[in-house]
Amino acid sequence: MKDQFYLHFKTMPKGTAQQKGYNRKTGRYFKKTKLASAEQEFKVALLPYRPTTPSDKPISLTIHFYFDTKDKKKWGLPKATRPDTDNYLKLFKDCMSADKEGKNGFWLDDAQVWDEHVIKTYAEKATIMVCYEETDTEDILNGIKAVDKAIKKTKKEGV
């Protein structure tokens, strides 16, 4: 199953998975306001696209973050500034993952994502393009067997 969709925002939510606070008195971590707000915005935006049951298969994921800017000269150019792609993607993948009961997500656990591509560019409007696909492991195994066969054939021919 392959799916692609776009999420549109007035401005790109601010907050990353690294923005947790620590309460020294209680010894517990908590979500700072920016993090909690971004997480809520992502979850609400993802809701209409969520499948009825989360996938239990390996996932290939492509995310393109289009960060809004008024500077027309920057549109389409790479955004090589904060937030870091890994921290921002971590928050987004967490929002796409199923809850503790194994419901309400695109997949059961974000550890299922074995192939991911992340792009950050500037654009006129804040948008996130999401493309994810369940991986057919049988196709991968057949591909590996074909490569092994080609290597053996090359060795026999002495190339």
N, C-alpha and C. Protein backbone atom coordinates (compact mmCIF):
# COMPACT_ATOMS: atom_id res chain seq x y z
N MET A 1 0.84 -1.18 0.00
CA MET A 1 0.00 0.00 0.00
C MET A 1 0.89 1.25 0.00
N LYS A 2 0.65 2.12 -0.94
CA LYS A 2 1.39 3.37 -1.02
C LYS A 2 0.40 4.52 -0.88
N ASP A 3 0.80 5.53 -0.14
CA ASP A 3 -0.10 6.67 0.06
C ASP A 3 0.73 7.95 0.06
N GLN A 4 0.14 9.00 -0.50
CA GLN A 4 0.79 10.31 -0.51
C GLN A 4 -0.27 11.38 -0.26
N PHE A 5 0.10 12.35 0.58
CA PHE A 5 -0.83 13.44 0.86
C PHE A 5 -0.05 14.67 1.31
N TYR A 6 -0.75 15.80 1.33
CA TYR A 6 -0.14 17.09 1.71
C TYR A 6 -0.88 17.66 2.90
N LEU A 7 -0.12 18.19 3.85
CA LEU A 7 -0.70 18.86 5.00
C LEU A 7 -0.36 20.35 4.88
N HIS A 8 -1.36 21.20 5.03
CA HIS A 8 -1.16 22.64 4.87
C HIS A 8 -1.33 23.33 6.23
N PHE A 9 -0.46 24.30 6.50
CA PHE A 9 -0.47 25.04 7.76
C PHE A 9 -0.39 26.53 7.47
N LYS A 10 -0.92 27.32 8.36
CA LYS A 10 -0.80 28.78 8.23
C LYS A 10 0.68 29.16 8.30
N THR A 11 1.38 28.58 9.27
CA THR A 11 2.83 28.69 9.38
C THR A 11 3.31 27.35 9.92
N MET A 12 4.53 26.97 9.58
CA MET A 12 5.03 25.66 10.00
C MET A 12 5.10 25.58 11.52
N PRO A 13 4.53 24.50 12.11
CA PRO A 13 4.58 24.35 13.57
C PRO A 13 6.03 24.36 14.07
N LYS A 14 6.23 25.05 15.18
CA LYS A 14 7.57 25.14 15.75
C LYS A 14 7.64 24.22 16.96
N GLY A 15 8.71 23.51 17.04
CA GLY A 15 8.91 22.56 18.13
C GLY A 15 9.53 21.29 17.60
N THR A 16 10.46 20.72 18.35
CA THR A 16 11.09 19.47 17.95
C THR A 16 11.07 18.50 19.12
N ALA A 17 11.43 17.25 18.83
CA ALA A 17 11.44 16.21 19.86
C ALA A 17 12.46 16.52 20.95
N GLN A 18 13.41 17.41 20.69
CA GLN A 18 14.44 17.74 21.67
C GLN A 18 13.98 18.78 22.69
N GLN A 19 12.81 19.34 22.52
CA GLN A 19 12.37 20.43 23.37
C GLN A 19 11.54 19.95 24.56
N LYS A 20 12.10 19.01 25.30
CA LYS A 20 11.45 18.56 26.51
C LYS A 20 12.11 19.25 27.69
N GLY A 21 11.33 19.50 28.71
CA GLY A 21 11.87 20.10 29.92
C GLY A 21 12.03 19.05 31.00
N TYR A 22 12.78 19.38 32.03
CA TYR A 22 13.00 18.47 33.15
C TYR A 22 12.70 19.19 34.45
N ASN A 23 11.83 18.62 35.24
CA ASN A 23 11.47 19.19 36.53
C ASN A 23 12.36 18.55 37.60
N ARG A 24 13.24 19.34 38.18
CA ARG A 24 14.19 18.81 39.17
C ARG A 24 13.49 18.35 40.44
N LYS A 25 12.40 18.99 40.81
CA LYS A 25 11.69 18.61 42.03
C LYS A 25 11.04 17.23 41.91
N THR A 26 10.34 17.01 40.79
CA THR A 26 9.64 15.74 40.61
C THR A 26 10.50 14.68 39.92
N GLY A 27 11.56 15.13 39.24
CA GLY A 27 12.42 14.19 38.51
C GLY A 27 11.78 13.67 37.24
N ARG A 28 10.85 14.43 36.71
CA ARG A 28 10.13 14.00 35.49
C ARG A 28 10.35 14.97 34.35
N TYR A 29 10.26 14.40 33.14
CA TYR A 29 10.34 15.22 31.93
C TYR A 29 8.93 15.69 31.58
N PHE A 30 8.86 16.84 30.94
CA PHE A 30 7.56 17.36 30.50
C PHE A 30 7.73 18.01 29.13
N LYS A 31 6.61 18.17 28.43
CA LYS A 31 6.62 18.78 27.11
C LYS A 31 6.50 20.28 27.25
N LYS A 32 7.45 20.99 26.65
CA LYS A 32 7.37 22.44 26.66
C LYS A 32 6.24 22.87 25.73
N THR A 33 5.79 24.11 25.86
CA THR A 33 4.64 24.61 25.13
C THR A 33 4.79 24.47 23.61
N LYS A 34 5.96 24.85 23.07
CA LYS A 34 6.16 24.76 21.62
C LYS A 34 6.05 23.32 21.13
N LEU A 35 6.62 22.39 21.89
CA LEU A 35 6.58 20.98 21.53
C LEU A 35 5.15 20.46 21.57
N ALA A 36 4.44 20.72 22.64
CA ALA A 36 3.06 20.25 22.79
C ALA A 36 2.16 20.84 21.71
N SER A 37 2.37 22.11 21.39
CA SER A 37 1.57 22.78 20.36
C SER A 37 1.84 22.17 18.98
N ALA A 38 3.11 21.97 18.64
CA ALA A 38 3.47 21.39 17.34
C ALA A 38 2.91 19.97 17.23
N GLU A 39 3.04 19.20 18.29
CA GLU A 39 2.54 17.82 18.29
C GLU A 39 1.03 17.81 18.05
N GLN A 40 0.30 18.70 18.70
CA GLN A 40 -1.15 18.78 18.53
C GLN A 40 -1.52 19.18 17.10
N GLU A 41 -0.81 20.17 16.55
CA GLU A 41 -1.08 20.60 15.17
C GLU A 41 -0.85 19.46 14.18
N PHE A 42 0.25 18.73 14.35
CA PHE A 42 0.55 17.60 13.46
C PHE A 42 -0.53 16.52 13.56
N LYS A 43 -0.92 16.17 14.77
CA LYS A 43 -1.91 15.11 14.96
C LYS A 43 -3.25 15.47 14.35
N VAL A 44 -3.67 16.71 14.53
CA VAL A 44 -4.95 17.16 13.96
C VAL A 44 -4.88 17.14 12.43
N ALA A 45 -3.76 17.61 11.87
CA ALA A 45 -3.62 17.65 10.41
C ALA A 45 -3.56 16.24 9.81
N LEU A 46 -2.98 15.28 10.53
CA LEU A 46 -2.84 13.91 10.04
C LEU A 46 -4.14 13.11 10.14
N LEU A 47 -5.03 13.52 11.01
CA LEU A 47 -6.24 12.76 11.30
C LEU A 47 -7.02 12.31 10.06
N PRO A 48 -7.31 13.17 9.09
CA PRO A 48 -8.12 12.72 7.94
C PRO A 48 -7.43 11.67 7.06
N TYR A 49 -6.13 11.54 7.17
CA TYR A 49 -5.38 10.63 6.30
C TYR A 49 -5.01 9.32 6.98
N ARG A 50 -5.32 9.21 8.25
CA ARG A 50 -4.93 8.04 9.03
C ARG A 50 -5.71 6.82 8.57
N PRO A 51 -5.03 5.68 8.36
CA PRO A 51 -5.74 4.46 7.97
C PRO A 51 -6.55 3.89 9.14
N THR A 52 -7.47 3.00 8.83
CA THR A 52 -8.32 2.43 9.87
C THR A 52 -7.52 1.54 10.82
N THR A 53 -6.51 0.84 10.30
CA THR A 53 -5.65 0.03 11.16
C THR A 53 -4.19 0.33 10.82
N PRO A 54 -3.35 0.47 11.83
CA PRO A 54 -1.93 0.74 11.59
C PRO A 54 -1.23 -0.44 10.91
N SER A 55 -0.26 -0.14 10.09
CA SER A 55 0.51 -1.18 9.40
C SER A 55 1.46 -1.88 10.37
N ASP A 56 1.69 -3.16 10.11
CA ASP A 56 2.68 -3.90 10.89
C ASP A 56 3.87 -4.30 10.02
N LYS A 57 3.93 -3.75 8.80
CA LYS A 57 4.99 -4.08 7.85
C LYS A 57 6.10 -3.02 7.88
N PRO A 58 7.27 -3.34 7.31
CA PRO A 58 8.32 -2.33 7.18
C PRO A 58 7.83 -1.17 6.30
N ILE A 59 8.24 0.04 6.63
CA ILE A 59 7.74 1.24 5.96
C ILE A 59 8.87 2.02 5.30
N SER A 60 8.62 2.47 4.08
CA SER A 60 9.49 3.41 3.38
C SER A 60 8.79 4.77 3.45
N LEU A 61 9.51 5.79 3.90
CA LEU A 61 8.89 7.08 4.19
C LEU A 61 9.66 8.23 3.55
N THR A 62 8.94 9.10 2.88
CA THR A 62 9.51 10.34 2.35
C THR A 62 8.70 11.50 2.90
N ILE A 63 9.41 12.44 3.50
CA ILE A 63 8.77 13.64 4.05
C ILE A 63 9.46 14.86 3.45
N HIS A 64 8.66 15.77 2.91
CA HIS A 64 9.20 17.03 2.38
C HIS A 64 8.55 18.16 3.17
N PHE A 65 9.38 18.84 3.97
CA PHE A 65 8.92 19.98 4.75
C PHE A 65 9.12 21.25 3.92
N TYR A 66 8.04 21.95 3.61
CA TYR A 66 8.10 23.23 2.91
C TYR A 66 7.89 24.33 3.96
N PHE A 67 8.95 25.03 4.33
CA PHE A 67 8.85 26.09 5.34
C PHE A 67 8.49 27.41 4.67
N ASP A 68 7.46 28.06 5.19
CA ASP A 68 6.96 29.29 4.58
C ASP A 68 7.93 30.46 4.80
N THR A 69 8.06 31.25 3.74
CA THR A 69 8.82 32.49 3.81
C THR A 69 8.21 33.48 2.83
N LYS A 70 8.31 34.75 3.17
CA LYS A 70 7.79 35.80 2.28
C LYS A 70 8.81 36.17 1.21
N ASP A 71 10.06 35.77 1.43
CA ASP A 71 11.15 36.08 0.49
C ASP A 71 11.05 35.18 -0.73
N LYS A 72 10.52 35.71 -1.83
CA LYS A 72 10.30 34.93 -3.05
C LYS A 72 11.60 34.35 -3.62
N LYS A 73 12.71 35.01 -3.36
CA LYS A 73 14.00 34.53 -3.86
C LYS A 73 14.40 33.19 -3.23
N LYS A 74 13.88 32.90 -2.06
CA LYS A 74 14.22 31.66 -1.35
C LYS A 74 13.35 30.47 -1.75
N TRP A 75 12.19 30.72 -2.35
CA TRP A 75 11.26 29.64 -2.67
C TRP A 75 11.96 28.57 -3.50
N GLY A 76 11.86 27.32 -3.05
CA GLY A 76 12.48 26.20 -3.75
C GLY A 76 13.91 25.92 -3.33
N LEU A 77 14.51 26.83 -2.56
CA LEU A 77 15.89 26.63 -2.12
C LEU A 77 15.93 25.76 -0.86
N PRO A 78 17.04 25.03 -0.65
CA PRO A 78 17.17 24.21 0.57
C PRO A 78 17.14 25.07 1.83
N LYS A 79 16.53 24.56 2.86
CA LYS A 79 16.51 25.25 4.17
C LYS A 79 17.56 24.56 5.03
N ALA A 80 18.75 25.14 5.08
CA ALA A 80 19.86 24.55 5.81
C ALA A 80 20.04 25.22 7.17
N THR A 81 18.93 25.51 7.82
CA THR A 81 18.95 26.12 9.15
C THR A 81 18.05 25.30 10.07
N ARG A 82 17.99 25.70 11.32
CA ARG A 82 17.15 24.98 12.28
C ARG A 82 15.68 25.07 11.89
N PRO A 83 14.88 24.09 12.21
CA PRO A 83 15.18 22.93 13.03
C PRO A 83 15.94 21.85 12.26
N ASP A 84 16.74 21.06 12.98
CA ASP A 84 17.45 19.96 12.36
C ASP A 84 16.44 18.95 11.83
N THR A 85 16.76 18.33 10.70
CA THR A 85 15.82 17.37 10.11
C THR A 85 15.56 16.18 11.03
N ASP A 86 16.59 15.70 11.72
CA ASP A 86 16.39 14.51 12.55
C ASP A 86 15.46 14.79 13.73
N ASN A 87 15.61 15.93 14.38
CA ASN A 87 14.75 16.26 15.52
C ASN A 87 13.32 16.56 15.07
N TYR A 88 13.19 17.26 13.95
CA TYR A 88 11.86 17.62 13.46
C TYR A 88 11.13 16.37 12.96
N LEU A 89 11.87 15.51 12.25
CA LEU A 89 11.27 14.28 11.74
C LEU A 89 10.86 13.35 12.88
N LYS A 90 11.66 13.30 13.93
CA LYS A 90 11.34 12.43 15.08
C LYS A 90 9.97 12.79 15.66
N LEU A 91 9.72 14.07 15.85
CA LEU A 91 8.42 14.51 16.35
C LEU A 91 7.30 14.11 15.39
N PHE A 92 7.53 14.33 14.10
CA PHE A 92 6.50 14.03 13.11
C PHE A 92 6.21 12.53 13.05
N LYS A 93 7.25 11.71 13.06
CA LYS A 93 7.06 10.25 13.04
C LYS A 93 6.34 9.78 14.30
N ASP A 94 6.66 10.39 15.44
CA ASP A 94 5.96 10.03 16.68
C ASP A 94 4.45 10.31 16.54
N CYS A 95 4.12 11.40 15.88
CA CYS A 95 2.70 11.75 15.68
C CYS A 95 2.02 10.78 14.72
N MET A 96 2.78 10.16 13.83
CA MET A 96 2.21 9.20 12.88
C MET A 96 2.12 7.79 13.46
N SER A 97 2.82 7.54 14.57
CA SER A 97 2.84 6.20 15.17
C SER A 97 1.58 5.95 15.99
N ALA A 98 1.25 4.67 16.13
CA ALA A 98 0.07 4.28 16.90
C ALA A 98 0.28 4.58 18.38
N ASP A 99 -0.84 4.71 19.09
CA ASP A 99 -0.78 4.96 20.53
C ASP A 99 -0.43 3.66 21.28
N LYS A 100 -0.39 3.72 22.60
CA LYS A 100 0.01 2.57 23.41
C LYS A 100 -0.91 1.36 23.22
N GLU A 101 -2.15 1.60 22.83
CA GLU A 101 -3.10 0.51 22.61
C GLU A 101 -2.96 -0.08 21.20
N GLY A 102 -2.02 0.46 20.40
CA GLY A 102 -1.83 -0.04 19.03
C GLY A 102 -2.87 0.48 18.06
N LYS A 103 -3.45 1.64 18.35
CA LYS A 103 -4.49 2.22 17.50
C LYS A 103 -4.09 3.64 17.10
N ASN A 104 -4.89 4.20 16.19
CA ASN A 104 -4.78 5.62 15.82
C ASN A 104 -3.43 6.02 15.23
N GLY A 105 -2.87 5.20 14.39
CA GLY A 105 -1.61 5.56 13.76
C GLY A 105 -1.50 5.02 12.35
N PHE A 106 -0.43 5.39 11.69
CA PHE A 106 -0.15 4.90 10.35
C PHE A 106 0.61 3.57 10.41
N TRP A 107 1.37 3.40 11.50
CA TRP A 107 2.10 2.15 11.75
C TRP A 107 2.14 1.95 13.26
N LEU A 108 2.50 0.74 13.67
CA LEU A 108 2.49 0.42 15.10
C LEU A 108 3.62 1.10 15.86
N ASP A 109 4.81 1.15 15.25
CA ASP A 109 5.98 1.70 15.94
C ASP A 109 6.87 2.36 14.88
N ASP A 110 7.41 3.54 15.20
CA ASP A 110 8.24 4.22 14.20
C ASP A 110 9.54 3.47 13.90
N ALA A 111 9.86 2.43 14.68
CA ALA A 111 11.01 1.58 14.36
C ALA A 111 10.77 0.80 13.07
N GLN A 112 9.53 0.69 12.63
CA GLN A 112 9.21 0.00 11.37
C GLN A 112 9.71 0.77 10.16
N VAL A 113 10.00 2.05 10.32
CA VAL A 113 10.49 2.86 9.20
C VAL A 113 11.96 2.50 8.97
N TRP A 114 12.19 1.79 7.88
CA TRP A 114 13.55 1.33 7.59
C TRP A 114 14.21 2.16 6.51
N ASP A 115 13.42 2.93 5.78
CA ASP A 115 13.93 3.75 4.68
C ASP A 115 13.24 5.10 4.78
N GLU A 116 14.04 6.17 5.01
CA GLU A 116 13.41 7.48 5.13
C GLU A 116 14.21 8.53 4.38
N HIS A 117 13.49 9.45 3.78
CA HIS A 117 14.07 10.56 3.04
C HIS A 117 13.42 11.84 3.57
N VAL A 118 14.24 12.80 3.94
CA VAL A 118 13.73 14.05 4.49
C VAL A 118 14.30 15.22 3.71
N ILE A 119 13.43 16.13 3.33
CA ILE A 119 13.84 17.31 2.57
C ILE A 119 13.23 18.53 3.25
N LYS A 120 14.03 19.59 3.38
CA LYS A 120 13.53 20.87 3.91
C LYS A 120 13.84 21.93 2.87
N THR A 121 12.80 22.61 2.41
CA THR A 121 13.00 23.72 1.50
C THR A 121 12.10 24.88 1.91
N TYR A 122 12.40 26.02 1.34
CA TYR A 122 11.54 27.20 1.54
C TYR A 122 10.44 27.18 0.49
N ALA A 123 9.31 27.73 0.84
CA ALA A 123 8.17 27.79 -0.08
C ALA A 123 7.28 28.97 0.29
N GLU A 124 6.31 29.22 -0.55
CA GLU A 124 5.36 30.30 -0.29
C GLU A 124 4.48 29.98 0.91
N LYS A 125 4.05 28.69 1.01
CA LYS A 125 3.14 28.28 2.08
C LYS A 125 3.71 27.08 2.84
N ALA A 126 3.45 27.05 4.13
CA ALA A 126 3.89 25.96 4.97
C ALA A 126 3.11 24.69 4.63
N THR A 127 3.84 23.68 4.17
CA THR A 127 3.22 22.44 3.73
C THR A 127 4.14 21.28 4.08
N ILE A 128 3.55 20.14 4.33
CA ILE A 128 4.33 18.92 4.50
C ILE A 128 3.78 17.89 3.52
N MET A 129 4.67 17.37 2.67
CA MET A 129 4.29 16.30 1.76
C MET A 129 4.72 14.99 2.41
N VAL A 130 3.79 14.07 2.54
CA VAL A 130 4.05 12.77 3.16
C VAL A 130 3.81 11.69 2.13
N CYS A 131 4.79 10.82 1.96
CA CYS A 131 4.63 9.66 1.08
C CYS A 131 5.17 8.46 1.85
N TYR A 132 4.32 7.48 2.07
CA TYR A 132 4.78 6.28 2.77
C TYR A 132 4.26 5.04 2.06
N GLU A 133 5.04 3.96 2.19
CA GLU A 133 4.69 2.73 1.49
C GLU A 133 5.09 1.54 2.33
N GLU A 134 4.18 0.57 2.42
CA GLU A 134 4.52 -0.68 3.07
C GLU A 134 5.47 -1.44 2.15
N THR A 135 6.48 -2.06 2.74
CA THR A 135 7.48 -2.77 1.96
C THR A 135 7.13 -4.25 1.89
N ASP A 136 7.13 -4.77 0.68
CA ASP A 136 6.91 -6.19 0.47
C ASP A 136 8.25 -6.89 0.62
N THR A 137 8.46 -7.57 1.74
CA THR A 137 9.76 -8.19 2.02
C THR A 137 10.09 -9.29 1.01
N GLU A 138 9.09 -9.91 0.42
CA GLU A 138 9.34 -10.95 -0.58
C GLU A 138 10.04 -10.36 -1.81
N ASP A 139 9.63 -9.16 -2.22
CA ASP A 139 10.29 -8.49 -3.35
C ASP A 139 11.75 -8.20 -3.04
N ILE A 140 12.02 -7.78 -1.80
CA ILE A 140 13.40 -7.48 -1.40
C ILE A 140 14.24 -8.75 -1.44
N LEU A 141 13.69 -9.85 -0.90
CA LEU A 141 14.42 -11.12 -0.90
C LEU A 141 14.70 -11.61 -2.32
N ASN A 142 13.72 -11.46 -3.20
CA ASN A 142 13.92 -11.85 -4.60
C ASN A 142 15.00 -10.99 -5.25
N GLY A 143 15.04 -9.71 -4.92
CA GLY A 143 16.07 -8.82 -5.45
C GLY A 143 17.45 -9.22 -4.96
N ILE A 144 17.55 -9.59 -3.69
CA ILE A 144 18.84 -10.03 -3.13
C ILE A 144 19.29 -11.32 -3.80
N LYS A 145 18.36 -12.25 -4.02
CA LYS A 145 18.70 -13.52 -4.68
C LYS A 145 19.20 -13.26 -6.09
N ALA A 146 18.57 -12.32 -6.79
CA ALA A 146 18.99 -11.99 -8.16
C ALA A 146 20.41 -11.41 -8.17
N VAL A 147 20.72 -10.56 -7.20
CA VAL A 147 22.06 -9.98 -7.10
C VAL A 147 23.08 -11.07 -6.78
N ASP A 148 22.76 -11.95 -5.83
CA ASP A 148 23.65 -13.06 -5.49
C ASP A 148 23.93 -13.94 -6.71
N LYS A 149 22.89 -14.22 -7.47
CA LYS A 149 23.03 -15.04 -8.67
C LYS A 149 23.94 -14.36 -9.69
N ALA A 150 23.78 -13.05 -9.86
CA ALA A 150 24.61 -12.31 -10.80
C ALA A 150 26.07 -12.29 -10.35
N ILE A 151 26.32 -12.18 -9.06
CA ILE A 151 27.69 -12.18 -8.52
C ILE A 151 28.34 -13.54 -8.76
N LYS A 152 27.61 -14.61 -8.48
CA LYS A 152 28.15 -15.96 -8.71
C LYS A 152 28.47 -16.18 -10.18
N LYS A 153 27.60 -15.72 -11.06
CA LYS A 153 27.81 -15.87 -12.50
C LYS A 153 29.07 -15.10 -12.93
N THR A 154 29.25 -13.91 -12.39
CA THR A 154 30.42 -13.08 -12.72
C THR A 154 31.70 -13.76 -12.25
N LYS A 155 31.66 -14.37 -11.06
CA LYS A 155 32.84 -15.06 -10.53
C LYS A 155 33.19 -16.27 -11.38
N LYS A 156 32.16 -17.01 -11.85
CA LYS A 156 32.40 -18.18 -12.71
C LYS A 156 33.05 -17.78 -14.03
N GLU A 157 32.61 -16.65 -14.57
CA GLU A 157 33.13 -16.19 -15.85
C GLU A 157 34.50 -15.55 -15.71
N GLY A 158 34.94 -15.33 -14.45
CA GLY A 158 36.25 -14.77 -14.19
C GLY A 158 36.37 -13.28 -14.50
N VAL A 159 35.31 -12.57 -14.39
CA VAL A 159 35.32 -11.14 -14.67
C VAL A 159 35.73 -10.37 -13.44
